[in-house]
C-alpha atoms as a PDB file:
ATOM      1  CA  MET A   1      -2.734 -20.452  -0.005  1.00  0.00           C
ATOM      2  CA  LYS A   2      -1.147 -18.942  -3.028  1.00  0.00           C
ATOM      3  CA  SER A   3      -0.676 -15.252  -2.707  1.00  0.00           C
ATOM      4  CA  LEU A   4       0.031 -12.866  -5.949  1.00  0.00           C
ATOM      5  CA  GLY A   5       1.890  -9.580  -5.352  1.00  0.00           C
ATOM      6  CA  ILE A   6       0.635  -6.906  -7.651  1.00  0.00           C
ATOM      7  CA  ILE A   7       3.093  -3.812  -8.076  1.00  0.00           C
ATOM      8  CA  PRO A   8       0.392  -1.160  -9.890  1.00  0.00           C
ATOM      9  CA  ALA A   9       3.123   1.559 -11.949  1.00  0.00           C
ATOM     10  CA  ARG A  10       1.809   4.255 -14.263  1.00  0.00           C
ATOM     11  CA  PHE A  11       4.254   6.609 -15.814  1.00  0.00           C
ATOM     12  CA  GLU A  12       1.653   9.638 -15.944  1.00  0.00           C
ATOM     13  CA  SER A  13       1.416  11.344 -12.559  1.00  0.00           C
ATOM     14  CA  SER A  14       0.699  15.036 -11.822  1.00  0.00           C
ATOM     15  CA  ARG A  15       3.453  15.647  -9.242  1.00  0.00           C
ATOM     16  CA  PHE A  16       6.168  12.976 -10.378  1.00  0.00           C
ATOM     17  CA  PRO A  17       5.678  12.103 -14.240  1.00  0.00           C
ATOM     18  CA  GLY A  18       7.885   9.007 -15.059  1.00  0.00           C
ATOM     19  CA  LYS A  19       8.465   7.879 -11.095  1.00  0.00           C
ATOM     20  CA  PRO A  20       8.574   4.535 -12.089  1.00  0.00           C
ATOM     21  CA  LEU A  21      11.687   4.464 -14.145  1.00  0.00           C
ATOM     22  CA  VAL A  22      13.842   7.180 -12.248  1.00  0.00           C
ATOM     23  CA  LYS A  23      16.653   5.472 -10.762  1.00  0.00           C
ATOM     24  CA  ILE A  24      18.143   5.535  -7.082  1.00  0.00           C
ATOM     25  CA  GLY A  25      21.368   4.379  -6.450  1.00  0.00           C
ATOM     26  CA  GLY A  26      21.920   2.596 -10.322  1.00  0.00           C
ATOM     27  CA  LYS A  27      18.489   1.191 -10.148  1.00  0.00           C
ATOM     28  CA  THR A  28      14.857   2.090 -11.333  1.00  0.00           C
ATOM     29  CA  MET A  29      12.190   2.645  -8.716  1.00  0.00           C
ATOM     30  CA  VAL A  30       9.988  -0.215  -9.991  1.00  0.00           C
ATOM     31  CA  GLN A  31      13.135  -2.842 -10.317  1.00  0.00           C
ATOM     32  CA  ARG A  32      13.776  -2.199  -6.638  1.00  0.00           C
ATOM     33  CA  VAL A  33       9.919  -2.307  -5.441  1.00  0.00           C
ATOM     34  CA  TYR A  34       9.760  -5.646  -7.215  1.00  0.00           C
ATOM     35  CA  GLU A  35      13.437  -6.988  -6.164  1.00  0.00           C
ATOM     36  CA  GLN A  36      12.307  -6.084  -2.728  1.00  0.00           C
ATOM     37  CA  CYS A  37       8.988  -8.086  -2.859  1.00  0.00           C
ATOM     38  CA  GLN A  38      10.529 -11.424  -4.267  1.00  0.00           C
ATOM     39  CA  LYS A  39      12.562 -11.646  -0.949  1.00  0.00           C
ATOM     40  CA  ALA A  40       8.972 -12.183   0.771  1.00  0.00           C
ATOM     41  CA  ALA A  41       8.471 -15.798   1.734  1.00  0.00           C
ATOM     42  CA  THR A  42       5.037 -15.317   1.509  1.00  0.00           C
ATOM     43  CA  LEU A  43       4.419 -14.362  -1.911  1.00  0.00           C
ATOM     44  CA  THR A  44       3.847 -17.183  -4.665  1.00  0.00           C
ATOM     45  CA  GLU A  45       4.217 -14.531  -7.503  1.00  0.00           C
ATOM     46  CA  VAL A  46       5.147 -10.770  -8.235  1.00  0.00           C
ATOM     47  CA  ILE A  47       3.792  -9.052 -11.338  1.00  0.00           C
ATOM     48  CA  VAL A  48       3.777  -5.195 -12.631  1.00  0.00           C
ATOM     49  CA  ALA A  49       0.577  -3.879 -13.444  1.00  0.00           C
ATOM     50  CA  THR A  50       1.311  -0.979 -15.969  1.00  0.00           C
ATOM     51  CA  ASP A  51      -0.528   0.828 -18.543  1.00  0.00           C
ATOM     52  CA  ASP A  52       2.957   2.192 -20.571  1.00  0.00           C
ATOM     53  CA  SER A  53       4.656   0.308 -22.707  1.00  0.00           C
ATOM     54  CA  ARG A  54       7.808   1.843 -21.558  1.00  0.00           C
ATOM     55  CA  ILE A  55       7.522   1.018 -18.225  1.00  0.00           C
ATOM     56  CA  PHE A  56       6.361  -2.441 -19.397  1.00  0.00           C
ATOM     57  CA  ASP A  57       9.864  -2.943 -21.983  1.00  0.00           C
ATOM     58  CA  HIS A  58      11.605  -2.079 -18.987  1.00  0.00           C
ATOM     59  CA  VAL A  59       9.962  -4.888 -16.444  1.00  0.00           C
ATOM     60  CA  ILE A  60      10.683  -7.262 -18.992  1.00  0.00           C
ATOM     61  CA  SER A  61      14.239  -6.131 -19.604  1.00  0.00           C
ATOM     62  CA  PHE A  62      15.402  -6.605 -15.947  1.00  0.00           C
ATOM     63  CA  GLY A  63      13.640 -10.353 -16.286  1.00  0.00           C
ATOM     64  CA  GLY A  64      10.603  -9.332 -14.574  1.00  0.00           C
ATOM     65  CA  LYS A  65       6.897 -10.124 -14.649  1.00  0.00           C
ATOM     66  CA  VAL A  66       4.842  -7.711 -15.958  1.00  0.00           C
ATOM     67  CA  LYS A  67       1.068  -7.152 -17.744  1.00  0.00           C
ATOM     68  CA  MET A  68      -0.760  -4.357 -19.559  1.00  0.00           C
ATOM     69  CA  THR A  69      -3.709  -3.118 -18.286  1.00  0.00           C
ATOM     70  CA  SER A  70      -6.471  -0.294 -19.231  1.00  0.00           C
ATOM     71  CA  SER A  71      -5.371   3.224 -18.751  1.00  0.00           C
ATOM     72  CA  ASN A  72      -8.942   4.292 -17.730  1.00  0.00           C
ATOM     73  CA  HIS A  73      -8.509   2.758 -14.349  1.00  0.00           C
ATOM     74  CA  PRO A  74      -9.497   5.440 -11.567  1.00  0.00           C
ATOM     75  CA  THR A  75      -7.488   3.653  -8.874  1.00  0.00           C
ATOM     76  CA  GLY A  76      -4.468   1.284  -8.270  1.00  0.00           C
ATOM     77  CA  THR A  77      -7.138  -1.280  -6.956  1.00  0.00           C
ATOM     78  CA  ASP A  78      -8.922  -1.404 -10.134  1.00  0.00           C
ATOM     79  CA  ARG A  79      -5.463  -1.797 -11.923  1.00  0.00           C
ATOM     80  CA  ILE A  80      -4.623  -4.773  -9.849  1.00  0.00           C
ATOM     81  CA  ALA A  81      -8.231  -6.272  -9.835  1.00  0.00           C
ATOM     82  CA  GLU A  82      -7.827  -6.226 -13.812  1.00  0.00           C
ATOM     83  CA  VAL A  83      -4.399  -8.429 -13.419  1.00  0.00           C
ATOM     84  CA  ALA A  84      -6.035 -10.619 -10.889  1.00  0.00           C
ATOM     85  CA  ALA A  85      -9.364 -11.356 -12.614  1.00  0.00           C
ATOM     86  CA  SER A  86      -6.692 -12.558 -15.604  1.00  0.00           C
ATOM     87  CA  MET A  87      -4.745 -14.877 -13.388  1.00  0.00           C
ATOM     88  CA  GLU A  88      -5.709 -18.657 -11.990  1.00  0.00           C
ATOM     89  CA  GLY A  89      -4.821 -20.524  -8.988  1.00  0.00           C
ATOM     90  CA  PHE A  90      -3.975 -17.142  -6.799  1.00  0.00           C
ATOM     91  CA  ASP A  91      -6.135 -17.149  -2.972  1.00  0.00           C
ATOM     92  CA  ILE A  92      -4.379 -13.786  -2.076  1.00  0.00           C
ATOM     93  CA  ILE A  93      -3.996 -10.582  -3.966  1.00  0.00           C
ATOM     94  CA  VAL A  94      -1.469  -8.028  -2.264  1.00  0.00           C
ATOM     95  CA  ASN A  95      -1.543  -4.513  -3.705  1.00  0.00           C
ATOM     96  CA  ILE A  96       2.007  -3.015  -3.044  1.00  0.00           C
ATOM     97  CA  GLN A  97       2.775   0.130  -3.650  1.00  0.00           C
ATOM     98  CA  GLY A  98       5.205   0.975  -6.770  1.00  0.00           C
ATOM     99  CA  ASP A  99       6.880   4.236  -5.415  1.00  0.00           C
ATOM    100  CA  GLU A 100       8.591   2.471  -2.210  1.00  0.00           C
ATOM    101  CA  PRO A 101      11.589   1.292  -3.027  1.00  0.00           C
ATOM    102  CA  PHE A 102      12.708  -0.002   0.211  1.00  0.00           C
ATOM    103  CA  ILE A 103       9.653  -2.206   1.493  1.00  0.00           C
ATOM    104  CA  HIS A 104      10.524  -4.255   4.059  1.00  0.00           C
ATOM    105  CA  PRO A 105       9.791  -7.931   3.024  1.00  0.00           C
ATOM    106  CA  GLN A 106       8.621  -8.473   6.308  1.00  0.00           C
ATOM    107  CA  GLN A 107       5.870  -5.850   6.097  1.00  0.00           C
ATOM    108  CA  ILE A 108       4.637  -7.907   3.420  1.00  0.00           C
ATOM    109  CA  GLU A 109       4.874 -11.223   4.900  1.00  0.00           C
ATOM    110  CA  SER A 110       2.759  -9.968   8.081  1.00  0.00           C
ATOM    111  CA  VAL A 111       0.032  -8.583   6.329  1.00  0.00           C
ATOM    112  CA  ILE A 112      -0.316 -11.808   4.524  1.00  0.00           C
ATOM    113  CA  ASN A 113      -0.219 -13.721   7.590  1.00  0.00           C
ATOM    114  CA  ILE A 114      -3.474 -11.862   8.764  1.00  0.00           C
ATOM    115  CA  PHE A 115      -5.175 -14.518   6.360  1.00  0.00           C
ATOM    116  CA  GLU A 116      -3.698 -17.709   8.056  1.00  0.00           C
ATOM    117  CA  LYS A 117      -4.485 -16.341  11.390  1.00  0.00           C
ATOM    118  CA  ASN A 118      -8.568 -15.379  10.774  1.00  0.00           C
ATOM    119  CA  GLU A 119     -10.046 -17.280   7.906  1.00  0.00           C
ATOM    120  CA  LYS A 120     -12.864 -14.636   8.052  1.00  0.00           C
ATOM    121  CA  ALA A 121     -10.242 -11.895   7.053  1.00  0.00           C
ATOM    122  CA  GLU A 122     -11.638 -10.425   3.817  1.00  0.00           C
ATOM    123  CA  ILE A 123      -8.892  -7.274   3.414  1.00  0.00           C
ATOM    124  CA  ALA A 124      -5.386  -6.960   5.382  1.00  0.00           C
ATOM    125  CA  THR A 125      -3.300  -4.091   6.086  1.00  0.00           C
ATOM    126  CA  GLY A 126      -0.405  -2.859   8.049  1.00  0.00           C
ATOM    127  CA  VAL A 127      -0.412   0.128  10.929  1.00  0.00           C
ATOM    128  CA  LYS A 128       2.555   1.248  12.759  1.00  0.00           C
ATOM    129  CA  LEU A 129       2.763   3.510  16.058  1.00  0.00           C
ATOM    130  CA  ILE A 130       3.817   6.928  15.116  1.00  0.00           C
ATOM    131  CA  GLU A 131       7.096   8.420  16.234  1.00  0.00           C
ATOM    132  CA  ASN A 132       6.759  12.510  15.367  1.00  0.00           C
ATOM    133  CA  GLN A 133       4.387  14.376  16.937  1.00  0.00           C
ATOM    134  CA  ALA A 134       4.256  16.674  13.735  1.00  0.00           C
ATOM    135  CA  ASP A 135       2.927  13.571  12.173  1.00  0.00           C
ATOM    136  CA  ILE A 136      -0.491  13.780  14.146  1.00  0.00           C
ATOM    137  CA  PHE A 137      -1.708  16.709  12.443  1.00  0.00           C
ATOM    138  CA  ASN A 138      -0.184  16.174   9.214  1.00  0.00           C
ATOM    139  CA  PRO A 139      -3.487  15.520   7.014  1.00  0.00           C
ATOM    140  CA  ASN A 140      -0.719  13.403   4.577  1.00  0.00           C
ATOM    141  CA  VAL A 141      -0.562  10.794   7.240  1.00  0.00           C
ATOM    142  CA  VAL A 142      -3.446   8.716   7.444  1.00  0.00           C
ATOM    143  CA  LYS A 143      -4.386   7.851  11.077  1.00  0.00           C
ATOM    144  CA  CYS A 144      -6.025   4.544  12.100  1.00  0.00           C
ATOM    145  CA  VAL A 145      -7.827   3.559  15.059  1.00  0.00           C
ATOM    146  CA  PHE A 146      -8.586  -0.681  15.750  1.00  0.00           C
ATOM    147  CA  GLY A 147     -10.442  -2.932  17.883  1.00  0.00           C
ATOM    148  CA  LYS A 148      -8.868  -5.346  20.193  1.00  0.00           C
ATOM    149  CA  ASN A 149      -8.742  -7.767  17.750  1.00  0.00           C
ATOM    150  CA  GLY A 150      -7.278  -5.742  14.991  1.00  0.00           C
ATOM    151  CA  LYS A 151     -10.556  -5.007  13.002  1.00  0.00           C
ATOM    152  CA  ALA A 152     -10.344  -1.333  11.610  1.00  0.00           C
ATOM    153  CA  LEU A 153     -12.879   0.869  13.028  1.00  0.00           C
ATOM    154  CA  LEU A 154     -11.757   4.304  11.084  1.00  0.00           C
ATOM    155  CA  PHE A 155      -9.377   5.561   8.990  1.00  0.00           C
ATOM    156  CA  SER A 156      -8.753   9.351   8.531  1.00  0.00           C
ATOM    157  CA  ARG A 157      -6.507  12.282   7.910  1.00  0.00           C
ATOM    158  CA  SER A 158      -7.567  14.040  10.903  1.00  0.00           C
ATOM    159  CA  PRO A 159      -5.879  13.088  14.487  1.00  0.00           C
ATOM    160  CA  ILE A 160      -7.976  10.085  15.881  1.00  0.00           C
ATOM    161  CA  PRO A 161      -8.719   9.165  18.466  1.00  0.00           C
ATOM    162  CA  PHE A 162      -9.273  12.892  19.743  1.00  0.00           C
ATOM    163  CA  LEU A 163      -7.655  13.448  23.176  1.00  0.00           C
ATOM    164  CA  ARG A 164      -9.917  15.561  24.665  1.00  0.00           C
ATOM    165  CA  ASN A 165      -8.639  16.079  28.328  1.00  0.00           C
ATOM    166  CA  GLU A 166      -5.117  17.230  26.993  1.00  0.00           C
ATOM    167  CA  GLU A 167      -4.142  19.901  25.271  1.00  0.00           C
ATOM    168  CA  LYS A 168      -3.135  19.456  21.790  1.00  0.00           C
ATOM    169  CA  GLU A 169       0.817  20.239  22.231  1.00  0.00           C
ATOM    170  CA  ASN A 170       0.842  17.380  24.835  1.00  0.00           C
ATOM    171  CA  TRP A 171      -0.686  14.889  22.562  1.00  0.00           C
ATOM    172  CA  SER A 172       1.695  11.605  23.010  1.00  0.00           C
ATOM    173  CA  VAL A 173       2.427   9.802  20.082  1.00  0.00           C
ATOM    174  CA  THR A 174       1.553   6.205  21.779  1.00  0.00           C
ATOM    175  CA  ASN A 175      -1.868   6.994  21.654  1.00  0.00           C
ATOM    176  CA  PHE A 176      -1.653   7.423  17.466  1.00  0.00           C
ATOM    177  CA  TYR A 177      -1.501   4.843  15.106  1.00  0.00           C
ATOM    178  CA  LYS A 178      -0.492   5.680  11.025  1.00  0.00           C
ATOM    179  CA  HIS A 179      -1.872   3.604   8.064  1.00  0.00           C
ATOM    180  CA  ILE A 180       1.401   1.391   6.027  1.00  0.00           C
ATOM    181  CA  GLY A 181      -0.633   1.632   2.772  1.00  0.00           C
ATOM    182  CA  MET A 182      -0.312  -1.987   1.340  1.00  0.00           C
ATOM    183  CA  TYR A 183      -3.585  -4.219   1.277  1.00  0.00           C
ATOM    184  CA  ALA A 184      -4.161  -7.375   0.446  1.00  0.00           C
ATOM    185  CA  PHE A 185      -7.206  -9.329  -0.212  1.00  0.00           C
ATOM    186  CA  ARG A 186      -9.130 -12.462  -0.701  1.00  0.00           C
ATOM    187  CA  LYS A 187      -9.241 -12.852  -4.403  1.00  0.00           C
ATOM    188  CA  SER A 188     -13.239 -12.744  -4.441  1.00  0.00           C
ATOM    189  CA  THR A 189     -13.504  -9.671  -2.165  1.00  0.00           C
ATOM    190  CA  LEU A 190     -11.084  -7.365  -4.610  1.00  0.00           C
ATOM    191  CA  LEU A 191     -13.072  -8.465  -7.310  1.00  0.00           C
ATOM    192  CA  LYS A 192     -16.431  -7.382  -5.503  1.00  0.00           C
ATOM    193  CA  ILE A 193     -14.759  -3.713  -4.017  1.00  0.00           C
ATOM    194  CA  THR A 194     -14.336  -2.877  -7.620  1.00  0.00           C
ATOM    195  CA  LYS A 195     -17.613  -2.843  -8.560  1.00  0.00           C
ATOM    196  CA  LEU A 196     -18.548  -0.572  -5.376  1.00  0.00           C
ATOM    197  CA  ALA A 197     -18.821   3.309  -6.193  1.00  0.00           C
ATOM    198  CA  PRO A 198     -17.346   5.833  -4.248  1.00  0.00           C
ATOM    199  CA  SER A 199     -18.909   6.641  -0.774  1.00  0.00           C
ATOM    200  CA  ARG A 200     -19.650   9.468   0.540  1.00  0.00           C
ATOM    201  CA  LEU A 201     -16.927   9.595   3.629  1.00  0.00           C
ATOM    202  CA  GLU A 202     -14.387   8.435   0.748  1.00  0.00           C
ATOM    203  CA  LYS A 203     -14.957  11.464  -1.036  1.00  0.00           C
ATOM    204  CA  LEU A 204     -14.588  13.928   1.962  1.00  0.00           C
ATOM    205  CA  GLU A 205     -11.424  12.024   2.642  1.00  0.00           C
ATOM    206  CA  SER A 206      -9.916  10.814  -0.174  1.00  0.00           C
ATOM    207  CA  LEU A 207      -9.645   7.449   1.277  1.00  0.00           C
ATOM    208  CA  GLU A 208     -10.580   4.345  -0.978  1.00  0.00           C
ATOM    209  CA  GLN A 209     -10.496   2.329   2.413  1.00  0.00           C
ATOM    210  CA  LEU A 210     -13.479   4.235   3.583  1.00  0.00           C
ATOM    211  CA  ARG A 211     -15.442   2.802   0.865  1.00  0.00           C
ATOM    212  CA  TRP A 212     -15.014  -0.641   1.949  1.00  0.00           C
ATOM    213  CA  LEU A 213     -15.975   0.007   5.444  1.00  0.00           C
ATOM    214  CA  GLU A 214     -18.887   2.174   4.580  1.00  0.00           C
ATOM    215  CA  ASN A 215     -20.647  -1.000   2.564  1.00  0.00           C
ATOM    216  CA  GLY A 216     -19.853  -2.967   5.469  1.00  0.00           C
ATOM    217  CA  LEU A 217     -16.375  -4.945   4.635  1.00  0.00           C
ATOM    218  CA  GLU A 218     -13.812  -5.805   7.208  1.00  0.00           C
ATOM    219  CA  ILE A 219     -10.309  -4.556   6.896  1.00  0.00           C
ATOM    220  CA  PHE A 220      -7.657  -6.272   9.921  1.00  0.00           C
ATOM    221  CA  THR A 221      -4.630  -4.766  10.671  1.00  0.00           C
ATOM    222  CA  THR A 222      -1.392  -5.859  11.987  1.00  0.00           C
ATOM    223  CA  GLU A 223       1.201  -3.555  13.955  1.00  0.00           C
ATOM    224  CA  LEU A 224       4.220  -3.378  11.882  1.00  0.00           C
ATOM    225  CA  PRO A 225       7.895  -2.772  13.252  1.00  0.00           C
ATOM    226  CA  PHE A 226       9.119  -0.963   9.911  1.00  0.00           C
ATOM    227  CA  ASP A 227       7.828   2.341   8.611  1.00  0.00           C
ATOM    228  CA  SER A 228       7.124   2.947   4.946  1.00  0.00           C
ATOM    229  CA  PHE A 229       9.231   5.119   2.750  1.00  0.00           C
ATOM    230  CA  GLY A 230       7.048   6.801  -0.233  1.00  0.00           C
ATOM    231  CA  ILE A 231       8.651   8.350  -2.936  1.00  0.00           C
ATOM    232  CA  ASP A 232       6.392  11.116  -3.877  1.00  0.00           C
ATOM    233  CA  THR A 233       7.986  14.017  -5.605  1.00  0.00           C
ATOM    234  CA  PRO A 234      11.458  14.832  -7.273  1.00  0.00           C
ATOM    235  CA  GLU A 235      12.689  15.668  -3.956  1.00  0.00           C
ATOM    236  CA  ASP A 236      12.144  12.783  -1.801  1.00  0.00           C
ATOM    237  CA  LEU A 237      14.972  11.431  -4.282  1.00  0.00           C
ATOM    238  CA  GLU A 238      17.373  13.046  -2.069  1.00  0.00           C
ATOM    239  CA  LYS A 239      16.287  11.512   0.964  1.00  0.00           C
ATOM    240  CA  ALA A 240      16.120   7.772  -1.117  1.00  0.00           C
ATOM    241  CA  GLU A 241      19.871   8.649  -1.873  1.00  0.00           C
ATOM    242  CA  ASP A 242      20.873   9.193   1.693  1.00  0.00           C
ATOM    243  CA  PHE A 243      18.523   5.958   2.685  1.00  0.00           C
ATOM    244  CA  LEU A 244      20.886   3.941   0.392  1.00  0.00           C
ATOM    245  CA  LYS A 245      23.648   5.282   1.135  1.00  0.00           C
ATOM    246  CA  LYS A 246      23.199   4.704   4.866  1.00  0.00           C
ATOM    247  CA  GLU A 247      21.984   0.966   4.688  1.00  0.00           C
ATOM    248  CA  ASN A 248      24.893  -0.048   2.428  1.00  0.00           C
END
């Protein structure tokens, strides 16, 4: 089973223009993500998908693989689908967030391994037990509930499940899982979902994965031991530098 890791990277961003090319500890964000992905044993190949010549040229400069895509894609999923459709021989396509410079290779391996364990799985992703109670009520932290077989039942920016018989200040973090936003798809499934129209719940919550659930697709989850660390704003760079110093 061959797997292709695709890192969508846009230069334009309302909150942080040029984010893929900003440097953290002397290396750009996109290079750090790329190099972390290369450490994942279950990834056959890694490639960056971009619509910007600056990012394209930079990836080439550090020896990475990159493809230019249309600039009209509404989501990163559509961008990776364009690249996946042009590359033969891959069974699994992994959409890897381009703003997580410290992504752990084991996260990628664990998500891909879902397909080894479950031949019926179409889409796979990760979850992690919430550790900070404030995250339960933070709409930027997407929550997930899933069944005994790991199949996702729902994703929401609201606290799910709702603990009806407990005051909110007593809600225990042991009841809540956050979604780690990396997806792996069977190639045929990825190409199919890009043809689906935005759905009602997706529009309400601004969560693309709800479109897939509303259309009857199954998303299987695996619990991850590592958290994600995304760079969303210029202010997050200081946290990234601090994290890098501690790691070194």
